[in-house]
Amino acid sequence: LKHRFDDKSERAGRGRVHAKTGTLRSVASLAGWVTT
């Protein structure tokens, strides 16, 4: 996730979202926890 959450609309998640990524062809996933 180091280079994700990289635009203005995703800025709120930086440093707050703790999550596991998932990527395969035609598959994308994200699962974790966040402090609002």
PDB file of all heavy atoms in Angstrom:
ATOM      1  N   LEU A   1       0.811  -1.219   0.000  1.00  0.00           N
ATOM      2  CA  LEU A   1       0.000   0.000   0.000  1.00  0.00           C
ATOM      3  C   LEU A   1       0.850   1.277   0.000  1.00  0.00           C
ATOM      4  O   LEU A   1       0.308   2.382   0.038  1.00  0.00           O
ATOM      5  CB  LEU A   1      -0.930   0.034   1.221  1.00  0.00           C
ATOM      6  CG  LEU A   1      -2.146  -0.883   1.183  1.00  0.00           C
ATOM      7  CD1 LEU A   1      -2.992  -0.694   2.441  1.00  0.00           C
ATOM      8  CD2 LEU A   1      -2.999  -0.635  -0.053  1.00  0.00           C
ATOM      9  N   LYS A   2       2.148   1.132  -0.063  1.00  0.00           N
ATOM     10  CA  LYS A   2       3.027   2.305   0.033  1.00  0.00           C
ATOM     11  C   LYS A   2       2.744   3.317  -1.071  1.00  0.00           C
ATOM     12  O   LYS A   2       2.790   4.532  -0.849  1.00  0.00           O
ATOM     13  CB  LYS A   2       4.485   1.877   0.004  1.00  0.00           C
ATOM     14  CG  LYS A   2       5.457   3.027   0.236  1.00  0.00           C
ATOM     15  CD  LYS A   2       6.879   2.534   0.371  1.00  0.00           C
ATOM     16  CE  LYS A   2       7.821   3.692   0.694  1.00  0.00           C
ATOM     17  NZ  LYS A   2       9.223   3.225   0.873  1.00  0.00           N
ATOM     18  N   HIS A   3       2.483   2.819  -2.263  1.00  0.00           N
ATOM     19  CA  HIS A   3       2.272   3.715  -3.401  1.00  0.00           C
ATOM     20  C   HIS A   3       0.806   3.772  -3.834  1.00  0.00           C
ATOM     21  O   HIS A   3       0.505   4.251  -4.929  1.00  0.00           O
ATOM     22  CB  HIS A   3       3.160   3.285  -4.563  1.00  0.00           C
ATOM     23  CG  HIS A   3       4.614   3.278  -4.223  1.00  0.00           C
ATOM     24  ND1 HIS A   3       5.306   4.427  -3.923  1.00  0.00           N
ATOM     25  CD2 HIS A   3       5.500   2.249  -4.102  1.00  0.00           C
ATOM     26  CE1 HIS A   3       6.570   4.122  -3.647  1.00  0.00           C
ATOM     27  NE2 HIS A   3       6.706   2.812  -3.742  1.00  0.00           N
ATOM     28  N   ARG A   4      -0.080   3.305  -2.987  1.00  0.00           N
ATOM     29  CA  ARG A   4      -1.527   3.409  -3.243  1.00  0.00           C
ATOM     30  C   ARG A   4      -2.070   4.624  -2.487  1.00  0.00           C
ATOM     31  O   ARG A   4      -1.347   5.338  -1.818  1.00  0.00           O
ATOM     32  CB  ARG A   4      -2.215   2.125  -2.793  1.00  0.00           C
ATOM     33  CG  ARG A   4      -1.815   0.871  -3.563  1.00  0.00           C
ATOM     34  CD  ARG A   4      -2.723   0.610  -4.740  1.00  0.00           C
ATOM     35  NE  ARG A   4      -4.071   0.262  -4.291  1.00  0.00           N
ATOM     36  CZ  ARG A   4      -4.500  -0.992  -4.074  1.00  0.00           C
ATOM     37  NH1 ARG A   4      -3.696  -2.008  -4.301  1.00  0.00           N
ATOM     38  NH2 ARG A   4      -5.744  -1.215  -3.678  1.00  0.00           N
ATOM     39  N   PHE A   5      -3.380   4.871  -2.624  1.00  0.00           N
ATOM     40  CA  PHE A   5      -4.018   6.017  -1.980  1.00  0.00           C
ATOM     41  C   PHE A   5      -3.282   7.298  -2.402  1.00  0.00           C
ATOM     42  O   PHE A   5      -2.842   8.101  -1.572  1.00  0.00           O
ATOM     43  CB  PHE A   5      -4.029   5.856  -0.450  1.00  0.00           C
ATOM     44  CG  PHE A   5      -4.937   4.759   0.020  1.00  0.00           C
ATOM     45  CD1 PHE A   5      -4.580   3.414  -0.125  1.00  0.00           C
ATOM     46  CD2 PHE A   5      -6.164   5.054   0.597  1.00  0.00           C
ATOM     47  CE1 PHE A   5      -5.424   2.394   0.288  1.00  0.00           C
ATOM     48  CE2 PHE A   5      -7.015   4.041   1.020  1.00  0.00           C
ATOM     49  CZ  PHE A   5      -6.655   2.702   0.851  1.00  0.00           C
ATOM     50  N   ASP A   6      -3.135   7.443  -3.719  1.00  0.00           N
ATOM     51  CA  ASP A   6      -2.214   8.429  -4.266  1.00  0.00           C
ATOM     52  C   ASP A   6      -2.866   9.637  -4.930  1.00  0.00           C
ATOM     53  O   ASP A   6      -2.191  10.397  -5.611  1.00  0.00           O
ATOM     54  CB  ASP A   6      -1.275   7.748  -5.261  1.00  0.00           C
ATOM     55  CG  ASP A   6      -2.049   7.020  -6.363  1.00  0.00           C
ATOM     56  OD1 ASP A   6      -3.289   6.966  -6.288  1.00  0.00           O
ATOM     57  OD2 ASP A   6      -1.399   6.503  -7.286  1.00  0.00           O
ATOM     58  N   ASP A   7      -4.179   9.813  -4.758  1.00  0.00           N
ATOM     59  CA  ASP A   7      -4.774  11.031  -5.290  1.00  0.00           C
ATOM     60  C   ASP A   7      -5.600  11.738  -4.212  1.00  0.00           C
ATOM     61  O   ASP A   7      -5.765  11.234  -3.102  1.00  0.00           O
ATOM     62  CB  ASP A   7      -5.589  10.759  -6.563  1.00  0.00           C
ATOM     63  CG  ASP A   7      -6.794   9.860  -6.324  1.00  0.00           C
ATOM     64  OD1 ASP A   7      -7.412   9.935  -5.244  1.00  0.00           O
ATOM     65  OD2 ASP A   7      -7.125   9.072  -7.227  1.00  0.00           O
ATOM     66  N   LYS A   8      -6.089  12.925  -4.566  1.00  0.00           N
ATOM     67  CA  LYS A   8      -6.742  13.778  -3.579  1.00  0.00           C
ATOM     68  C   LYS A   8      -7.921  13.107  -2.896  1.00  0.00           C
ATOM     69  O   LYS A   8      -8.108  13.233  -1.677  1.00  0.00           O
ATOM     70  CB  LYS A   8      -7.189  15.075  -4.269  1.00  0.00           C
ATOM     71  CG  LYS A   8      -7.807  16.095  -3.327  1.00  0.00           C
ATOM     72  CD  LYS A   8      -8.177  17.365  -4.074  1.00  0.00           C
ATOM     73  CE  LYS A   8      -8.806  18.389  -3.144  1.00  0.00           C
ATOM     74  NZ  LYS A   8      -9.180  19.642  -3.870  1.00  0.00           N
ATOM     75  N   SER A   9      -8.715  12.366  -3.662  1.00  0.00           N
ATOM     76  CA  SER A   9      -9.912  11.743  -3.093  1.00  0.00           C
ATOM     77  C   SER A   9      -9.583  10.570  -2.176  1.00  0.00           C
ATOM     78  O   SER A   9     -10.467  10.055  -1.492  1.00  0.00           O
ATOM     79  CB  SER A   9     -10.839  11.273  -4.214  1.00  0.00           C
ATOM     80  OG  SER A   9     -10.204  10.294  -5.015  1.00  0.00           O
ATOM     81  N   GLU A  10      -8.315  10.142  -2.170  1.00  0.00           N
ATOM     82  CA  GLU A  10      -7.899   9.016  -1.326  1.00  0.00           C
ATOM     83  C   GLU A  10      -7.017   9.456  -0.159  1.00  0.00           C
ATOM     84  O   GLU A  10      -6.556   8.628   0.620  1.00  0.00           O
ATOM     85  CB  GLU A  10      -7.143   7.993  -2.192  1.00  0.00           C
ATOM     86  CG  GLU A  10      -7.985   7.408  -3.311  1.00  0.00           C
ATOM     87  CD  GLU A  10      -7.171   6.789  -4.427  1.00  0.00           C
ATOM     88  OE1 GLU A  10      -5.925   6.763  -4.324  1.00  0.00           O
ATOM     89  OE2 GLU A  10      -7.777   6.336  -5.409  1.00  0.00           O
ATOM     90  N   ARG A  11      -6.800  10.750  -0.054  1.00  0.00           N
ATOM     91  CA  ARG A  11      -5.856  11.271   0.936  1.00  0.00           C
ATOM     92  C   ARG A  11      -6.268  10.942   2.369  1.00  0.00           C
ATOM     93  O   ARG A  11      -5.418  10.703   3.234  1.00  0.00           O
ATOM     94  CB  ARG A  11      -5.712  12.789   0.750  1.00  0.00           C
ATOM     95  CG  ARG A  11      -4.548  13.399   1.529  1.00  0.00           C
ATOM     96  CD  ARG A  11      -4.374  14.856   1.118  1.00  0.00           C
ATOM     97  NE  ARG A  11      -4.023  14.949  -0.312  1.00  0.00           N
ATOM     98  CZ  ARG A  11      -4.134  16.062  -1.024  1.00  0.00           C
ATOM     99  NH1 ARG A  11      -4.615  17.168  -0.460  1.00  0.00           N
ATOM    100  NH2 ARG A  11      -3.798  16.075  -2.297  1.00  0.00           N
ATOM    101  N   ALA A  12      -7.563  10.912   2.628  1.00  0.00           N
ATOM    102  CA  ALA A  12      -8.032  10.650   3.996  1.00  0.00           C
ATOM    103  C   ALA A  12      -7.611   9.277   4.499  1.00  0.00           C
ATOM    104  O   ALA A  12      -7.506   9.054   5.714  1.00  0.00           O
ATOM    105  CB  ALA A  12      -9.554  10.781   4.057  1.00  0.00           C
ATOM    106  N   GLY A  13      -7.371   8.338   3.573  1.00  0.00           N
ATOM    107  CA  GLY A  13      -7.002   6.991   3.984  1.00  0.00           C
ATOM    108  C   GLY A  13      -5.544   6.813   4.339  1.00  0.00           C
ATOM    109  O   GLY A  13      -5.169   5.837   5.004  1.00  0.00           O
ATOM    110  N   ARG A  14      -4.699   7.738   3.913  1.00  0.00           N
ATOM    111  CA  ARG A  14      -3.255   7.596   4.139  1.00  0.00           C
ATOM    112  C   ARG A  14      -2.942   7.604   5.630  1.00  0.00           C
ATOM    113  O   ARG A  14      -3.324   8.500   6.364  1.00  0.00           O
ATOM    114  CB  ARG A  14      -2.496   8.707   3.431  1.00  0.00           C
ATOM    115  CG  ARG A  14      -2.623   8.663   1.914  1.00  0.00           C
ATOM    116  CD  ARG A  14      -1.956   9.857   1.248  1.00  0.00           C
ATOM    117  NE  ARG A  14      -0.510   9.830   1.400  1.00  0.00           N
ATOM    118  CZ  ARG A  14       0.330   9.194   0.587  1.00  0.00           C
ATOM    119  NH1 ARG A  14      -0.144   8.531  -0.458  1.00  0.00           N
ATOM    120  NH2 ARG A  14       1.617   9.226   0.789  1.00  0.00           N
ATOM    121  N   GLY A  15      -2.243   6.559   6.081  1.00  0.00           N
ATOM    122  CA  GLY A  15      -1.879   6.430   7.484  1.00  0.00           C
ATOM    123  C   GLY A  15      -2.984   5.898   8.373  1.00  0.00           C
ATOM    124  O   GLY A  15      -2.729   5.551   9.529  1.00  0.00           O
ATOM    125  N   ARG A  16      -4.201   5.819   7.855  1.00  0.00           N
ATOM    126  CA  ARG A  16      -5.325   5.348   8.665  1.00  0.00           C
ATOM    127  C   ARG A  16      -5.834   3.974   8.249  1.00  0.00           C
ATOM    128  O   ARG A  16      -6.400   3.248   9.066  1.00  0.00           O
ATOM    129  CB  ARG A  16      -6.493   6.343   8.565  1.00  0.00           C
ATOM    130  CG  ARG A  16      -6.258   7.641   9.300  1.00  0.00           C
ATOM    131  CD  ARG A  16      -7.499   8.492   9.251  1.00  0.00           C
ATOM    132  NE  ARG A  16      -7.366   9.692  10.051  1.00  0.00           N
ATOM    133  CZ  ARG A  16      -8.295  10.613  10.170  1.00  0.00           C
ATOM    134  NH1 ARG A  16      -9.453  10.459   9.525  1.00  0.00           N
ATOM    135  NH2 ARG A  16      -8.105  11.673  10.914  1.00  0.00           N
ATOM    136  N   VAL A  17      -5.675   3.653   6.975  1.00  0.00           N
ATOM    137  CA  VAL A  17      -6.159   2.366   6.479  1.00  0.00           C
ATOM    138  C   VAL A  17      -5.053   1.316   6.631  1.00  0.00           C
ATOM    139  O   VAL A  17      -3.941   1.500   6.139  1.00  0.00           O
ATOM    140  CB  VAL A  17      -6.579   2.469   5.003  1.00  0.00           C
ATOM    141  CG1 VAL A  17      -6.923   1.092   4.446  1.00  0.00           C
ATOM    142  CG2 VAL A  17      -7.763   3.412   4.852  1.00  0.00           C
ATOM    143  N   HIS A  18      -5.374   0.242   7.314  1.00  0.00           N
ATOM    144  CA  HIS A  18      -4.467  -0.900   7.475  1.00  0.00           C
ATOM    145  C   HIS A  18      -5.134  -2.073   6.763  1.00  0.00           C
ATOM    146  O   HIS A  18      -6.190  -2.532   7.200  1.00  0.00           O
ATOM    147  CB  HIS A  18      -4.271  -1.238   8.956  1.00  0.00           C
ATOM    148  CG  HIS A  18      -3.720  -0.116   9.771  1.00  0.00           C
ATOM    149  ND1 HIS A  18      -2.488  -0.183  10.377  1.00  0.00           N
ATOM    150  CD2 HIS A  18      -4.229   1.115  10.082  1.00  0.00           C
ATOM    151  CE1 HIS A  18      -2.258   0.942  11.035  1.00  0.00           C
ATOM    152  NE2 HIS A  18      -3.302   1.748  10.860  1.00  0.00           N
ATOM    153  N   ALA A  19      -4.535  -2.555   5.671  1.00  0.00           N
ATOM    154  CA  ALA A  19      -5.280  -3.540   4.881  1.00  0.00           C
ATOM    155  C   ALA A  19      -4.374  -4.420   4.033  1.00  0.00           C
ATOM    156  O   ALA A  19      -3.270  -4.032   3.656  1.00  0.00           O
ATOM    157  CB  ALA A  19      -6.280  -2.829   3.970  1.00  0.00           C
ATOM    158  N   LYS A  20      -4.901  -5.599   3.722  1.00  0.00           N
ATOM    159  CA  LYS A  20      -4.232  -6.521   2.800  1.00  0.00           C
ATOM    160  C   LYS A  20      -4.806  -6.335   1.414  1.00  0.00           C
ATOM    161  O   LYS A  20      -6.023  -6.294   1.239  1.00  0.00           O
ATOM    162  CB  LYS A  20      -4.431  -7.982   3.263  1.00  0.00           C
ATOM    163  CG  LYS A  20      -3.757  -9.003   2.358  1.00  0.00           C
ATOM    164  CD  LYS A  20      -2.263  -8.925   2.489  1.00  0.00           C
ATOM    165  CE  LYS A  20      -1.537  -9.633   1.347  1.00  0.00           C
ATOM    166  NZ  LYS A  20      -1.534  -8.880   0.088  1.00  0.00           N
ATOM    167  N   THR A  21      -3.906  -6.226   0.467  1.00  0.00           N
ATOM    168  CA  THR A  21      -4.305  -6.086  -0.926  1.00  0.00           C
ATOM    169  C   THR A  21      -4.472  -7.450  -1.583  1.00  0.00           C
ATOM    170  O   THR A  21      -3.979  -8.464  -1.092  1.00  0.00           O
ATOM    171  CB  THR A  21      -3.232  -5.311  -1.702  1.00  0.00           C
ATOM    172  OG1 THR A  21      -1.965  -5.989  -1.537  1.00  0.00           O
ATOM    173  CG2 THR A  21      -3.092  -3.891  -1.182  1.00  0.00           C
ATOM    174  N   GLY A  22      -5.151  -7.440  -2.721  1.00  0.00           N
ATOM    175  CA  GLY A  22      -5.278  -8.653  -3.530  1.00  0.00           C
ATOM    176  C   GLY A  22      -5.385  -8.277  -4.994  1.00  0.00           C
ATOM    177  O   GLY A  22      -6.199  -7.414  -5.338  1.00  0.00           O
ATOM    178  N   THR A  23      -4.582  -8.904  -5.838  1.00  0.00           N
ATOM    179  CA  THR A  23      -4.607  -8.605  -7.268  1.00  0.00           C
ATOM    180  C   THR A  23      -4.352  -9.854  -8.089  1.00  0.00           C
ATOM    181  O   THR A  23      -3.356 -10.557  -7.869  1.00  0.00           O
ATOM    182  CB  THR A  23      -3.538  -7.562  -7.651  1.00  0.00           C
ATOM    183  OG1 THR A  23      -3.716  -6.377  -6.885  1.00  0.00           O
ATOM    184  CG2 THR A  23      -3.621  -7.216  -9.135  1.00  0.00           C
ATOM    185  N   LEU A  24      -5.260 -10.168  -8.981  1.00  0.00           N
ATOM    186  CA  LEU A  24      -5.074 -11.141 -10.041  1.00  0.00           C
ATOM    187  C   LEU A  24      -5.704 -10.527 -11.292  1.00  0.00           C
ATOM    188  O   LEU A  24      -6.354  -9.483 -11.212  1.00  0.00           O
ATOM    189  CB  LEU A  24      -5.768 -12.476  -9.711  1.00  0.00           C
ATOM    190  CG  LEU A  24      -5.150 -13.370  -8.647  1.00  0.00           C
ATOM    191  CD1 LEU A  24      -6.084 -14.532  -8.334  1.00  0.00           C
ATOM    192  CD2 LEU A  24      -3.785 -13.908  -9.103  1.00  0.00           C
ATOM    193  N   ARG A  25      -5.532 -11.163 -12.405  1.00  0.00           N
ATOM    194  CA  ARG A  25      -6.178 -10.667 -13.602  1.00  0.00           C
ATOM    195  C   ARG A  25      -7.693 -10.651 -13.393  1.00  0.00           C
ATOM    196  O   ARG A  25      -8.292 -11.663 -13.037  1.00  0.00           O
ATOM    197  CB  ARG A  25      -5.820 -11.541 -14.804  1.00  0.00           C
ATOM    198  CG  ARG A  25      -6.347 -11.007 -16.138  1.00  0.00           C
ATOM    199  CD  ARG A  25      -5.871 -11.880 -17.279  1.00  0.00           C
ATOM    200  NE  ARG A  25      -6.374 -11.396 -18.561  1.00  0.00           N
ATOM    201  CZ  ARG A  25      -5.806 -10.461 -19.304  1.00  0.00           C
ATOM    202  NH1 ARG A  25      -4.672  -9.909 -18.890  1.00  0.00           N
ATOM    203  NH2 ARG A  25      -6.317 -10.088 -20.456  1.00  0.00           N
ATOM    204  N   SER A  26      -8.319  -9.497 -13.534  1.00  0.00           N
ATOM    205  CA  SER A  26      -9.760  -9.295 -13.365  1.00  0.00           C
ATOM    206  C   SER A  26     -10.230  -9.477 -11.925  1.00  0.00           C
ATOM    207  O   SER A  26     -11.421  -9.665 -11.678  1.00  0.00           O
ATOM    208  CB  SER A  26     -10.560 -10.240 -14.281  1.00  0.00           C
ATOM    209  OG  SER A  26     -10.238 -10.001 -15.636  1.00  0.00           O
ATOM    210  N   VAL A  27      -9.297  -9.419 -10.966  1.00  0.00           N
ATOM    211  CA  VAL A  27      -9.644  -9.527  -9.547  1.00  0.00           C
ATOM    212  C   VAL A  27      -8.896  -8.444  -8.771  1.00  0.00           C
ATOM    213  O   VAL A  27      -7.689  -8.253  -8.965  1.00  0.00           O
ATOM    214  CB  VAL A  27      -9.279 -10.899  -8.962  1.00  0.00           C
ATOM    215  CG1 VAL A  27      -9.584 -10.952  -7.457  1.00  0.00           C
ATOM    216  CG2 VAL A  27     -10.019 -12.013  -9.683  1.00  0.00           C
ATOM    217  N   ALA A  28      -9.602  -7.747  -7.902  1.00  0.00           N
ATOM    218  CA  ALA A  28      -8.962  -6.780  -7.006  1.00  0.00           C
ATOM    219  C   ALA A  28      -9.706  -6.791  -5.675  1.00  0.00           C
ATOM    220  O   ALA A  28     -10.936  -6.834  -5.648  1.00  0.00           O
ATOM    221  CB  ALA A  28      -8.985  -5.377  -7.606  1.00  0.00           C
ATOM    222  N   SER A  29      -8.957  -6.766  -4.576  1.00  0.00           N
ATOM    223  CA  SER A  29      -9.592  -6.836  -3.264  1.00  0.00           C
ATOM    224  C   SER A  29      -8.780  -6.058  -2.244  1.00  0.00           C
ATOM    225  O   SER A  29      -7.589  -5.792  -2.424  1.00  0.00           O
ATOM    226  CB  SER A  29      -9.747  -8.297  -2.826  1.00  0.00           C
ATOM    227  OG  SER A  29      -8.492  -8.971  -2.852  1.00  0.00           O
ATOM    228  N   LEU A  30      -9.444  -5.703  -1.150  1.00  0.00           N
ATOM    229  CA  LEU A  30      -8.808  -4.981  -0.049  1.00  0.00           C
ATOM    230  C   LEU A  30      -9.595  -5.306   1.213  1.00  0.00           C
ATOM    231  O   LEU A  30     -10.823  -5.180   1.241  1.00  0.00           O
ATOM    232  CB  LEU A  30      -8.838  -3.476  -0.313  1.00  0.00           C
ATOM    233  CG  LEU A  30      -7.960  -2.587   0.572  1.00  0.00           C
ATOM    234  CD1 LEU A  30      -6.481  -2.840   0.284  1.00  0.00           C
ATOM    235  CD2 LEU A  30      -8.278  -1.108   0.343  1.00  0.00           C
ATOM    236  N   ALA A  31      -8.883  -5.740   2.246  1.00  0.00           N
ATOM    237  CA  ALA A  31      -9.560  -6.112   3.492  1.00  0.00           C
ATOM    238  C   ALA A  31      -8.714  -5.673   4.667  1.00  0.00           C
ATOM    239  O   ALA A  31      -7.505  -5.936   4.706  1.00  0.00           O
ATOM    240  CB  ALA A  31      -9.784  -7.627   3.547  1.00  0.00           C
ATOM    241  N   GLY A  32      -9.331  -4.982   5.622  1.00  0.00           N
ATOM    242  CA  GLY A  32      -8.559  -4.518   6.761  1.00  0.00           C
ATOM    243  C   GLY A  32      -9.392  -3.728   7.743  1.00  0.00           C
ATOM    244  O   GLY A  32     -10.588  -3.972   7.917  1.00  0.00           O
ATOM    245  N   TRP A  33      -8.747  -2.757   8.377  1.00  0.00           N
ATOM    246  CA  TRP A  33      -9.421  -1.933   9.366  1.00  0.00           C
ATOM    247  C   TRP A  33      -8.957  -0.486   9.241  1.00  0.00           C
ATOM    248  O   TRP A  33      -7.915  -0.203   8.669  1.00  0.00           O
ATOM    249  CB  TRP A  33      -9.185  -2.453  10.781  1.00  0.00           C
ATOM    250  CG  TRP A  33      -7.740  -2.534  11.215  1.00  0.00           C
ATOM    251  CD1 TRP A  33      -6.855  -3.526  10.951  1.00  0.00           C
ATOM    252  CD2 TRP A  33      -7.030  -1.564  11.996  1.00  0.00           C
ATOM    253  NE1 TRP A  33      -5.624  -3.250  11.506  1.00  0.00           N
ATOM    254  CE2 TRP A  33      -5.709  -2.051  12.161  1.00  0.00           C
ATOM    255  CE3 TRP A  33      -7.368  -0.344  12.581  1.00  0.00           C
ATOM    256  CZ2 TRP A  33      -4.734  -1.369  12.884  1.00  0.00           C
ATOM    257  CZ3 TRP A  33      -6.397   0.343  13.307  1.00  0.00           C
ATOM    258  CH2 TRP A  33      -5.107  -0.163  13.453  1.00  0.00           C
ATOM    259  N   VAL A  34      -9.790   0.423   9.772  1.00  0.00           N
ATOM    260  CA  VAL A  34      -9.511   1.840   9.611  1.00  0.00           C
ATOM    261  C   VAL A  34     -10.062   2.595  10.815  1.00  0.00           C
ATOM    262  O   VAL A  34     -11.063   2.186  11.419  1.00  0.00           O
ATOM    263  CB  VAL A  34     -10.158   2.358   8.305  1.00  0.00           C
ATOM    264  CG1 VAL A  34     -11.656   2.124   8.298  1.00  0.00           C
ATOM    265  CG2 VAL A  34      -9.852   3.832   8.071  1.00  0.00           C
ATOM    266  N   THR A  35      -9.369   3.663  11.180  1.00  0.00           N
ATOM    267  CA  THR A  35      -9.872   4.560  12.216  1.00  0.00           C
ATOM    268  C   THR A  35     -10.486   5.769  11.529  1.00  0.00           C
ATOM    269  O   THR A  35      -9.827   6.441  10.721  1.00  0.00           O
ATOM    270  CB  THR A  35      -8.734   5.018  13.145  1.00  0.00           C
ATOM    271  OG1 THR A  35      -8.107   3.873  13.723  1.00  0.00           O
ATOM    272  CG2 THR A  35      -9.276   5.903  14.258  1.00  0.00           C
ATOM    273  N   THR A  36     -11.738   6.047  11.832  1.00  0.00           N
ATOM    274  CA  THR A  36     -12.451   7.138  11.165  1.00  0.00           C
ATOM    275  C   THR A  36     -12.028   8.495  11.734  1.00  0.00           C
ATOM    276  O   THR A  36     -11.323   8.585  12.749  1.00  0.00           O
ATOM    277  CB  THR A  36     -13.970   6.989  11.338  1.00  0.00           C
ATOM    278  OG1 THR A  36     -14.310   7.281  12.706  1.00  0.00           O
ATOM    279  CG2 THR A  36     -14.428   5.588  10.981  1.00  0.00           C
TER     280      THR A  36
END
